[in-house]
Amino acid sequence: HSRIARVIATAGYDGWCSVEMRSQEDWTGN
């Protein structure tokens, strides 16, 4: 994820970034 974060920060992106993942049994830990 550091690669994506670095690219979007360097390019000046300042919009929303949301977590997208499926529900799992250990949802609080995830």
ModelCIF file with pLDDT and N, C-alpha, C, O atoms, coordinates in Angstrom:
data_MODEL
#
_entry.id   MODEL 
#
_entity.id                         1 
_entity.type                       polymer 
_entity.pdbx_number_of_molecules   1 
#
_entity_poly.entity_id                      1 
_entity_poly.type                           'polypeptide(L)' 
_entity_poly.nstd_linkage                   no 
_entity_poly.nstd_monomer                   no 
_entity_poly.pdbx_seq_one_letter_code       HSRIARVIATAGYDGWCSVEMRSQEDWTGN 
_entity_poly.pdbx_seq_one_letter_code_can   HSRIARVIATAGYDGWCSVEMRSQEDWTGN 
_entity_poly.pdbx_strand_id                 A 
#
loop_
_entity_poly_seq.entity_id 
_entity_poly_seq.num 
_entity_poly_seq.mon_id 
_entity_poly_seq.hetero 
1 1  HIS n 
1 2  SER n 
1 3  ARG n 
1 4  ILE n 
1 5  ALA n 
1 6  ARG n 
1 7  VAL n 
1 8  ILE n 
1 9  ALA n 
1 10 THR n 
1 11 ALA n 
1 12 GLY n 
1 13 TYR n 
1 14 ASP n 
1 15 GLY n 
1 16 TRP n 
1 17 CYS n 
1 18 SER n 
1 19 VAL n 
1 20 GLU n 
1 21 MET n 
1 22 ARG n 
1 23 SER n 
1 24 GLN n 
1 25 GLU n 
1 26 ASP n 
1 27 TRP n 
1 28 THR n 
1 29 GLY n 
1 30 ASN n 
#
_struct_asym.id          A 
_struct_asym.entity_id   1 
#
loop_
_ma_qa_metric.id 
_ma_qa_metric.mode 
_ma_qa_metric.name 
_ma_qa_metric.software_group_id 
_ma_qa_metric.type 
1 global pLDDT . pLDDT 
2 local  pLDDT . pLDDT 
#
_ma_qa_metric_global.metric_id      1 
_ma_qa_metric_global.metric_value   91.57 
_ma_qa_metric_global.model_id       1 
_ma_qa_metric_global.ordinal_id     1 
#
loop_
_ma_qa_metric_local.label_asym_id 
_ma_qa_metric_local.label_comp_id 
_ma_qa_metric_local.label_seq_id 
_ma_qa_metric_local.metric_id 
_ma_qa_metric_local.metric_value 
_ma_qa_metric_local.model_id 
_ma_qa_metric_local.ordinal_id 
A HIS 1  2 95.00 1 1  
A SER 2  2 93.00 1 2  
A ARG 3  2 92.00 1 3  
A ILE 4  2 93.00 1 4  
A ALA 5  2 93.00 1 5  
A ARG 6  2 92.00 1 6  
A VAL 7  2 92.00 1 7  
A ILE 8  2 93.00 1 8  
A ALA 9  2 91.00 1 9  
A THR 10 2 92.00 1 10 
A ALA 11 2 91.00 1 11 
A GLY 12 2 89.00 1 12 
A TYR 13 2 92.00 1 13 
A ASP 14 2 88.00 1 14 
A GLY 15 2 91.00 1 15 
A TRP 16 2 92.00 1 16 
A CYS 17 2 94.00 1 17 
A SER 18 2 94.00 1 18 
A VAL 19 2 95.00 1 19 
A GLU 20 2 94.00 1 20 
A MET 21 2 93.00 1 21 
A ARG 22 2 90.00 1 22 
A SER 23 2 84.00 1 23 
A GLN 24 2 83.00 1 24 
A GLU 25 2 89.00 1 25 
A ASP 26 2 90.00 1 26 
A TRP 27 2 92.00 1 27 
A THR 28 2 93.00 1 28 
A GLY 29 2 94.00 1 29 
A ASN 30 2 93.00 1 30 
#
loop_
_atom_site.group_PDB 
_atom_site.id 
_atom_site.type_symbol 
_atom_site.label_atom_id 
_atom_site.label_alt_id 
_atom_site.label_comp_id 
_atom_site.label_asym_id 
_atom_site.label_entity_id 
_atom_site.label_seq_id 
_atom_site.pdbx_PDB_ins_code 
_atom_site.Cartn_x 
_atom_site.Cartn_y 
_atom_site.Cartn_z 
_atom_site.occupancy 
_atom_site.B_iso_or_equiv 
_atom_site.pdbx_formal_charge 
_atom_site.auth_seq_id 
_atom_site.auth_comp_id 
_atom_site.auth_asym_id 
_atom_site.auth_atom_id 
_atom_site.pdbx_PDB_model_num 
ATOM 1   N N  . HIS A 1 1  ? 0.812   -1.214  0.000  1.00 95.00 ? 1  HIS A N  1 
ATOM 2   C CA . HIS A 1 1  ? 0.000   0.000   0.000  1.00 95.00 ? 1  HIS A CA 1 
ATOM 3   C C  . HIS A 1 1  ? 0.846   1.265   0.000  1.00 95.00 ? 1  HIS A C  1 
ATOM 4   O O  . HIS A 1 1  ? 0.370   2.322   -0.413 1.00 95.00 ? 1  HIS A O  1 
ATOM 5   N N  . SER A 1 2  ? 2.076   1.179   0.449  1.00 93.00 ? 2  SER A N  1 
ATOM 6   C CA . SER A 1 2  ? 2.926   2.374   0.450  1.00 93.00 ? 2  SER A CA 1 
ATOM 7   C C  . SER A 1 2  ? 3.112   2.898   -0.969 1.00 93.00 ? 2  SER A C  1 
ATOM 8   O O  . SER A 1 2  ? 3.208   4.107   -1.175 1.00 93.00 ? 2  SER A O  1 
ATOM 9   N N  . ARG A 1 3  ? 3.163   2.009   -1.938 1.00 92.00 ? 3  ARG A N  1 
ATOM 10  C CA . ARG A 1 3  ? 3.352   2.414   -3.338 1.00 92.00 ? 3  ARG A CA 1 
ATOM 11  C C  . ARG A 1 3  ? 2.169   3.232   -3.831 1.00 92.00 ? 3  ARG A C  1 
ATOM 12  O O  . ARG A 1 3  ? 2.359   4.284   -4.442 1.00 92.00 ? 3  ARG A O  1 
ATOM 13  N N  . ILE A 1 4  ? 0.959   2.770   -3.577 1.00 93.00 ? 4  ILE A N  1 
ATOM 14  C CA . ILE A 1 4  ? -0.227  3.514   -4.013 1.00 93.00 ? 4  ILE A CA 1 
ATOM 15  C C  . ILE A 1 4  ? -0.320  4.839   -3.270 1.00 93.00 ? 4  ILE A C  1 
ATOM 16  O O  . ILE A 1 4  ? -0.567  5.881   -3.877 1.00 93.00 ? 4  ILE A O  1 
ATOM 17  N N  . ALA A 1 5  ? -0.121  4.798   -1.952 1.00 93.00 ? 5  ALA A N  1 
ATOM 18  C CA . ALA A 1 5  ? -0.213  6.023   -1.148 1.00 93.00 ? 5  ALA A CA 1 
ATOM 19  C C  . ALA A 1 5  ? 0.804   7.056   -1.604 1.00 93.00 ? 5  ALA A C  1 
ATOM 20  O O  . ALA A 1 5  ? 0.494   8.245   -1.676 1.00 93.00 ? 5  ALA A O  1 
ATOM 21  N N  . ARG A 1 6  ? 2.001   6.616   -1.909 1.00 92.00 ? 6  ARG A N  1 
ATOM 22  C CA . ARG A 1 6  ? 3.052   7.539   -2.363 1.00 92.00 ? 6  ARG A CA 1 
ATOM 23  C C  . ARG A 1 6  ? 2.664   8.180   -3.689 1.00 92.00 ? 6  ARG A C  1 
ATOM 24  O O  . ARG A 1 6  ? 2.829   9.386   -3.873 1.00 92.00 ? 6  ARG A O  1 
ATOM 25  N N  . VAL A 1 7  ? 2.151   7.379   -4.605 1.00 92.00 ? 7  VAL A N  1 
ATOM 26  C CA . VAL A 1 7  ? 1.776   7.905   -5.919 1.00 92.00 ? 7  VAL A CA 1 
ATOM 27  C C  . VAL A 1 7  ? 0.645   8.922   -5.791 1.00 92.00 ? 7  VAL A C  1 
ATOM 28  O O  . VAL A 1 7  ? 0.719   10.002  -6.378 1.00 92.00 ? 7  VAL A O  1 
ATOM 29  N N  . ILE A 1 8  ? -0.398  8.594   -5.034 1.00 93.00 ? 8  ILE A N  1 
ATOM 30  C CA . ILE A 1 8  ? -1.516  9.536   -4.959 1.00 93.00 ? 8  ILE A CA 1 
ATOM 31  C C  . ILE A 1 8  ? -1.132  10.799  -4.195 1.00 93.00 ? 8  ILE A C  1 
ATOM 32  O O  . ILE A 1 8  ? -1.607  11.885  -4.527 1.00 93.00 ? 8  ILE A O  1 
ATOM 33  N N  . ALA A 1 9  ? -0.278  10.676  -3.175 1.00 91.00 ? 9  ALA A N  1 
ATOM 34  C CA . ALA A 1 9  ? 0.163   11.868  -2.437 1.00 91.00 ? 9  ALA A CA 1 
ATOM 35  C C  . ALA A 1 9  ? 1.043   12.750  -3.325 1.00 91.00 ? 9  ALA A C  1 
ATOM 36  O O  . ALA A 1 9  ? 0.879   13.969  -3.351 1.00 91.00 ? 9  ALA A O  1 
ATOM 37  N N  . THR A 1 10 ? 1.968   12.134  -4.046 1.00 92.00 ? 10 THR A N  1 
ATOM 38  C CA . THR A 1 10 ? 2.860   12.884  -4.929 1.00 92.00 ? 10 THR A CA 1 
ATOM 39  C C  . THR A 1 10 ? 2.081   13.592  -6.029 1.00 92.00 ? 10 THR A C  1 
ATOM 40  O O  . THR A 1 10 ? 2.422   14.706  -6.426 1.00 92.00 ? 10 THR A O  1 
ATOM 41  N N  . ALA A 1 11 ? 1.036   12.939  -6.516 1.00 91.00 ? 11 ALA A N  1 
ATOM 42  C CA . ALA A 1 11 ? 0.214   13.527  -7.587 1.00 91.00 ? 11 ALA A CA 1 
ATOM 43  C C  . ALA A 1 11 ? -0.741  14.599  -7.069 1.00 91.00 ? 11 ALA A C  1 
ATOM 44  O O  . ALA A 1 11 ? -1.411  15.268  -7.855 1.00 91.00 ? 11 ALA A O  1 
ATOM 45  N N  . GLY A 1 12 ? -0.804  14.761  -5.746 1.00 89.00 ? 12 GLY A N  1 
ATOM 46  C CA . GLY A 1 12 ? -1.634  15.805  -5.177 1.00 89.00 ? 12 GLY A CA 1 
ATOM 47  C C  . GLY A 1 12 ? -3.085  15.414  -4.942 1.00 89.00 ? 12 GLY A C  1 
ATOM 48  O O  . GLY A 1 12 ? -3.925  16.288  -4.732 1.00 89.00 ? 12 GLY A O  1 
ATOM 49  N N  . TYR A 1 13 ? -3.400  14.128  -4.972 1.00 92.00 ? 13 TYR A N  1 
ATOM 50  C CA . TYR A 1 13 ? -4.776  13.712  -4.710 1.00 92.00 ? 13 TYR A CA 1 
ATOM 51  C C  . TYR A 1 13 ? -5.126  14.035  -3.266 1.00 92.00 ? 13 TYR A C  1 
ATOM 52  O O  . TYR A 1 13 ? -4.394  13.671  -2.345 1.00 92.00 ? 13 TYR A O  1 
ATOM 53  N N  . ASP A 1 14 ? -6.245  14.717  -3.072 1.00 88.00 ? 14 ASP A N  1 
ATOM 54  C CA . ASP A 1 14 ? -6.660  15.072  -1.708 1.00 88.00 ? 14 ASP A CA 1 
ATOM 55  C C  . ASP A 1 14 ? -8.124  14.715  -1.446 1.00 88.00 ? 14 ASP A C  1 
ATOM 56  O O  . ASP A 1 14 ? -8.771  15.293  -0.572 1.00 88.00 ? 14 ASP A O  1 
ATOM 57  N N  . GLY A 1 15 ? -8.624  13.766  -2.208 1.00 91.00 ? 15 GLY A N  1 
ATOM 58  C CA . GLY A 1 15 ? -10.019 13.346  -2.056 1.00 91.00 ? 15 GLY A CA 1 
ATOM 59  C C  . GLY A 1 15 ? -10.167 12.204  -1.064 1.00 91.00 ? 15 GLY A C  1 
ATOM 60  O O  . GLY A 1 15 ? -9.250  11.878  -0.311 1.00 91.00 ? 15 GLY A O  1 
ATOM 61  N N  . TRP A 1 16 ? -11.343 11.614  -1.091 1.00 92.00 ? 16 TRP A N  1 
ATOM 62  C CA . TRP A 1 16 ? -11.680 10.533  -0.178 1.00 92.00 ? 16 TRP A CA 1 
ATOM 63  C C  . TRP A 1 16 ? -10.932 9.257   -0.526 1.00 92.00 ? 16 TRP A C  1 
ATOM 64  O O  . TRP A 1 16 ? -10.663 8.963   -1.691 1.00 92.00 ? 16 TRP A O  1 
ATOM 65  N N  . CYS A 1 17 ? -10.608 8.513   0.516  1.00 94.00 ? 17 CYS A N  1 
ATOM 66  C CA . CYS A 1 17 ? -10.017 7.186   0.394  1.00 94.00 ? 17 CYS A CA 1 
ATOM 67  C C  . CYS A 1 17 ? -10.743 6.309   1.405  1.00 94.00 ? 17 CYS A C  1 
ATOM 68  O O  . CYS A 1 17 ? -10.693 6.566   2.608  1.00 94.00 ? 17 CYS A O  1 
ATOM 69  N N  . SER A 1 18 ? -11.417 5.275   0.915  1.00 94.00 ? 18 SER A N  1 
ATOM 70  C CA . SER A 1 18 ? -12.194 4.429   1.815  1.00 94.00 ? 18 SER A CA 1 
ATOM 71  C C  . SER A 1 18 ? -11.672 3.004   1.806  1.00 94.00 ? 18 SER A C  1 
ATOM 72  O O  . SER A 1 18 ? -11.053 2.557   0.841  1.00 94.00 ? 18 SER A O  1 
ATOM 73  N N  . VAL A 1 19 ? -11.930 2.304   2.893  1.00 95.00 ? 19 VAL A N  1 
ATOM 74  C CA . VAL A 1 19 ? -11.578 0.898   3.007  1.00 95.00 ? 19 VAL A CA 1 
ATOM 75  C C  . VAL A 1 19 ? -12.665 0.085   2.320  1.00 95.00 ? 19 VAL A C  1 
ATOM 76  O O  . VAL A 1 19 ? -13.856 0.310   2.537  1.00 95.00 ? 19 VAL A O  1 
ATOM 77  N N  . GLU A 1 20 ? -12.240 -0.866  1.486  1.00 94.00 ? 20 GLU A N  1 
ATOM 78  C CA . GLU A 1 20 ? -13.185 -1.770  0.842  1.00 94.00 ? 20 GLU A CA 1 
ATOM 79  C C  . GLU A 1 20 ? -12.709 -3.194  1.111  1.00 94.00 ? 20 GLU A C  1 
ATOM 80  O O  . GLU A 1 20 ? -11.649 -3.603  0.637  1.00 94.00 ? 20 GLU A O  1 
ATOM 81  N N  . MET A 1 21 ? -13.500 -3.944  1.874  1.00 93.00 ? 21 MET A N  1 
ATOM 82  C CA . MET A 1 21 ? -13.147 -5.334  2.159  1.00 93.00 ? 21 MET A CA 1 
ATOM 83  C C  . MET A 1 21 ? -14.404 -6.104  2.519  1.00 93.00 ? 21 MET A C  1 
ATOM 84  O O  . MET A 1 21 ? -15.405 -5.535  2.953  1.00 93.00 ? 21 MET A O  1 
ATOM 85  N N  . ARG A 1 22 ? -14.326 -7.400  2.330  1.00 90.00 ? 22 ARG A N  1 
ATOM 86  C CA . ARG A 1 22 ? -15.449 -8.265  2.680  1.00 90.00 ? 22 ARG A CA 1 
ATOM 87  C C  . ARG A 1 22 ? -15.475 -8.490  4.185  1.00 90.00 ? 22 ARG A C  1 
ATOM 88  O O  . ARG A 1 22 ? -14.448 -8.417  4.860  1.00 90.00 ? 22 ARG A O  1 
ATOM 89  N N  . SER A 1 23 ? -16.650 -8.759  4.685  1.00 84.00 ? 23 SER A N  1 
ATOM 90  C CA . SER A 1 23 ? -16.814 -9.081  6.097  1.00 84.00 ? 23 SER A CA 1 
ATOM 91  C C  . SER A 1 23 ? -16.187 -10.447 6.380  1.00 84.00 ? 23 SER A C  1 
ATOM 92  O O  . SER A 1 23 ? -16.309 -11.381 5.587  1.00 84.00 ? 23 SER A O  1 
ATOM 93  N N  . GLN A 1 24 ? -15.530 -10.537 7.498  1.00 83.00 ? 24 GLN A N  1 
ATOM 94  C CA . GLN A 1 24 ? -14.905 -11.774 7.948  1.00 83.00 ? 24 GLN A CA 1 
ATOM 95  C C  . GLN A 1 24 ? -15.318 -12.027 9.385  1.00 83.00 ? 24 GLN A C  1 
ATOM 96  O O  . GLN A 1 24 ? -15.873 -11.146 10.043 1.00 83.00 ? 24 GLN A O  1 
ATOM 97  N N  . GLU A 1 25 ? -15.051 -13.218 9.867  1.00 89.00 ? 25 GLU A N  1 
ATOM 98  C CA . GLU A 1 25 ? -15.437 -13.560 11.235 1.00 89.00 ? 25 GLU A CA 1 
ATOM 99  C C  . GLU A 1 25 ? -14.817 -12.601 12.253 1.00 89.00 ? 25 GLU A C  1 
ATOM 100 O O  . GLU A 1 25 ? -15.509 -12.122 13.152 1.00 89.00 ? 25 GLU A O  1 
ATOM 101 N N  . ASP A 1 26 ? -13.525 -12.320 12.119 1.00 90.00 ? 26 ASP A N  1 
ATOM 102 C CA . ASP A 1 26 ? -12.847 -11.420 13.056 1.00 90.00 ? 26 ASP A CA 1 
ATOM 103 C C  . ASP A 1 26 ? -12.965 -9.971  12.564 1.00 90.00 ? 26 ASP A C  1 
ATOM 104 O O  . ASP A 1 26 ? -11.957 -9.318  12.298 1.00 90.00 ? 26 ASP A O  1 
ATOM 105 N N  . TRP A 1 27 ? -14.195 -9.479  12.446 1.00 92.00 ? 27 TRP A N  1 
ATOM 106 C CA . TRP A 1 27 ? -14.388 -8.161  11.865 1.00 92.00 ? 27 TRP A CA 1 
ATOM 107 C C  . TRP A 1 27 ? -13.771 -7.052  12.704 1.00 92.00 ? 27 TRP A C  1 
ATOM 108 O O  . TRP A 1 27 ? -13.301 -6.064  12.139 1.00 92.00 ? 27 TRP A O  1 
ATOM 109 N N  . THR A 1 28 ? -13.751 -7.170  14.023 1.00 93.00 ? 28 THR A N  1 
ATOM 110 C CA . THR A 1 28 ? -13.152 -6.107  14.838 1.00 93.00 ? 28 THR A CA 1 
ATOM 111 C C  . THR A 1 28 ? -11.641 -6.071  14.648 1.00 93.00 ? 28 THR A C  1 
ATOM 112 O O  . THR A 1 28 ? -11.058 -4.995  14.519 1.00 93.00 ? 28 THR A O  1 
ATOM 113 N N  . GLY A 1 29 ? -11.008 -7.231  14.630 1.00 94.00 ? 29 GLY A N  1 
ATOM 114 C CA . GLY A 1 29 ? -9.560  -7.281  14.399 1.00 94.00 ? 29 GLY A CA 1 
ATOM 115 C C  . GLY A 1 29 ? -9.203  -6.767  13.019 1.00 94.00 ? 29 GLY A C  1 
ATOM 116 O O  . GLY A 1 29 ? -8.226  -6.037  12.854 1.00 94.00 ? 29 GLY A O  1 
ATOM 117 N N  . ASN A 1 30 ? -9.999  -7.151  12.023 1.00 93.00 ? 30 ASN A N  1 
ATOM 118 C CA . ASN A 1 30 ? -9.753  -6.684  10.656 1.00 93.00 ? 30 ASN A CA 1 
ATOM 119 C C  . ASN A 1 30 ? -9.944  -5.178  10.535 1.00 93.00 ? 30 ASN A C  1 
ATOM 120 O O  . ASN A 1 30 ? -9.777  -4.619  9.451  1.00 93.00 ? 30 ASN A O  1 
#
